[in-house]
Amino acid sequence: MSESDFSKENDLLHECQSFEDDDKRLKRREKNRVAAQRSRKKQTQKADKLHEEYKCLEHENCSLKKDVEKLTDELRRLTEALKSHESICPLIHCAINLMSVPRPEVIMPR
């Protein structure tokens, strides 16, 4: 085999190896692209799930605030009714009941 034949064969081998390297690189890039798409999709799904959870918690918080407002209003009305009833209630004015039953103080929310 002459030196030029050896050089040609070496060039062909090198070219063949270059095609294999290109093919491997393309496959690796495609695999990486698919993995990146999967990762972005998963991240988007996680963000969507968190957003839905946030909306549910906001709704629940709003509902609970309304409940607190209603209960505070009810407490205020009942406290006022009790105060207006105290002035006419014969049981409260009875000395025996005043001494035997301690009455807890009602604390009004601000």
Protein backbone atom coordinates (compact mmCIF):
# COMPACT_ATOMS: atom_id res chain seq x y z
CA MET A 1 0.00 0.00 0.00
CA SER A 2 1.41 3.35 -0.99
CA GLU A 3 1.53 6.40 1.13
CA SER A 4 -1.19 8.11 -0.93
CA ASP A 5 -3.46 5.05 -0.55
CA PHE A 6 -2.87 5.10 3.16
CA SER A 7 -3.64 8.82 3.26
CA LYS A 8 -6.87 8.34 1.28
CA GLU A 9 -7.95 5.49 3.53
CA ASN A 10 -7.12 7.57 6.59
CA ASP A 11 -9.14 10.47 5.16
CA LEU A 12 -12.12 8.16 4.54
CA LEU A 13 -11.86 6.75 8.04
CA HIS A 14 -11.64 10.24 9.46
CA GLU A 15 -14.63 11.35 7.38
CA CYS A 16 -16.63 8.33 8.50
CA GLN A 17 -15.76 9.05 12.12
CA SER A 18 -16.76 12.70 11.59
CA PHE A 19 -20.20 11.58 10.34
CA GLU A 20 -20.58 9.34 13.40
CA ASP A 21 -19.58 12.23 15.66
CA ASP A 22 -22.07 14.51 13.90
CA ASP A 23 -24.77 11.87 14.23
CA LYS A 24 -24.02 11.39 17.94
CA ARG A 25 -24.00 15.16 18.46
CA LEU A 26 -27.35 15.53 16.66
CA LYS A 27 -28.89 12.71 18.70
CA ARG A 28 -27.54 14.22 21.91
CA ARG A 29 -28.91 17.68 20.97
CA GLU A 30 -32.31 16.19 20.11
CA LYS A 31 -32.40 14.28 23.39
CA ASN A 32 -31.44 17.46 25.27
CA ARG A 33 -34.12 19.47 23.41
CA VAL A 34 -36.80 16.93 24.33
CA ALA A 35 -35.63 16.90 27.97
CA ALA A 36 -35.73 20.71 28.07
CA GLN A 37 -39.27 20.72 26.66
CA ARG A 38 -40.35 18.17 29.26
CA SER A 39 -38.76 20.25 32.01
CA ARG A 40 -40.46 23.46 30.84
CA LYS A 41 -43.82 21.68 30.58
CA LYS A 42 -43.44 20.27 34.09
CA GLN A 43 -42.49 23.72 35.43
CA THR A 44 -45.52 25.29 33.72
CA GLN A 45 -47.83 22.62 35.16
CA LYS A 46 -46.41 23.23 38.63
CA ALA A 47 -46.95 27.00 38.25
CA ASP A 48 -50.53 26.41 37.04
CA LYS A 49 -51.23 24.14 39.99
CA LEU A 50 -49.85 26.73 42.44
CA HIS A 51 -51.96 29.43 40.80
CA GLU A 52 -55.11 27.31 41.17
CA GLU A 53 -54.25 26.60 44.80
CA TYR A 54 -53.69 30.34 45.34
CA LYS A 55 -57.11 31.16 43.85
CA CYS A 56 -58.80 28.55 46.08
CA LEU A 57 -57.07 29.91 49.18
CA GLU A 58 -58.00 33.48 48.25
CA HIS A 59 -61.64 32.41 47.86
CA GLU A 60 -61.56 30.58 51.20
CA ASN A 61 -59.92 33.58 52.88
CA CYS A 62 -62.60 35.91 51.52
CA SER A 63 -65.33 33.58 52.74
CA LEU A 64 -63.75 33.35 56.20
CA LYS A 65 -63.47 37.14 56.41
CA LYS A 66 -67.19 37.41 55.63
CA ASP A 67 -67.92 34.85 58.36
CA VAL A 68 -65.85 36.83 60.87
CA GLU A 69 -67.68 40.02 59.88
CA LYS A 70 -71.08 38.33 60.34
CA LEU A 71 -70.10 36.84 63.70
CA THR A 72 -68.69 40.15 64.91
CA ASP A 73 -71.94 41.87 63.92
CA GLU A 74 -73.94 39.15 65.70
CA LEU A 75 -71.81 39.54 68.84
CA ARG A 76 -72.38 43.30 68.78
CA ARG A 77 -76.17 42.87 68.40
CA LEU A 78 -76.38 40.25 71.15
CA THR A 79 -74.24 42.35 73.49
CA GLU A 80 -76.49 45.35 72.91
CA ALA A 81 -79.59 43.20 73.47
CA LEU A 82 -78.12 41.87 76.71
CA LYS A 83 -77.26 45.36 77.92
CA SER A 84 -80.75 46.63 77.18
CA HIS A 85 -82.26 43.57 78.89
CA GLU A 86 -80.11 43.95 82.01
CA SER A 87 -81.87 47.15 83.01
CA ILE A 88 -85.29 45.45 83.12
CA CYS A 89 -84.34 41.92 84.20
CA PRO A 90 -85.51 41.12 87.74
CA LEU A 91 -83.05 38.26 88.11
CA ILE A 92 -80.04 40.49 87.63
CA HIS A 93 -81.29 42.91 90.30
CA CYS A 94 -81.79 40.13 92.84
CA ALA A 95 -79.03 40.36 95.48
CA ILE A 96 -78.78 36.58 95.86
CA ASN A 97 -78.03 36.05 92.16
CA LEU A 98 -75.52 38.86 92.10
CA MET A 99 -73.50 37.27 94.89
CA SER A 100 -73.82 33.59 93.99
CA VAL A 101 -73.23 33.72 90.22
CA PRO A 102 -70.17 35.64 89.04
CA ARG A 103 -70.85 37.23 85.65
CA PRO A 104 -67.97 37.21 83.15
CA GLU A 105 -67.22 40.46 81.38
CA VAL A 106 -67.97 40.56 77.69
CA ILE A 107 -65.08 41.87 75.65
CA MET A 108 -66.12 43.78 72.54
CA PRO A 109 -63.84 43.56 69.51
CA ARG A 110 -62.50 46.82 68.24
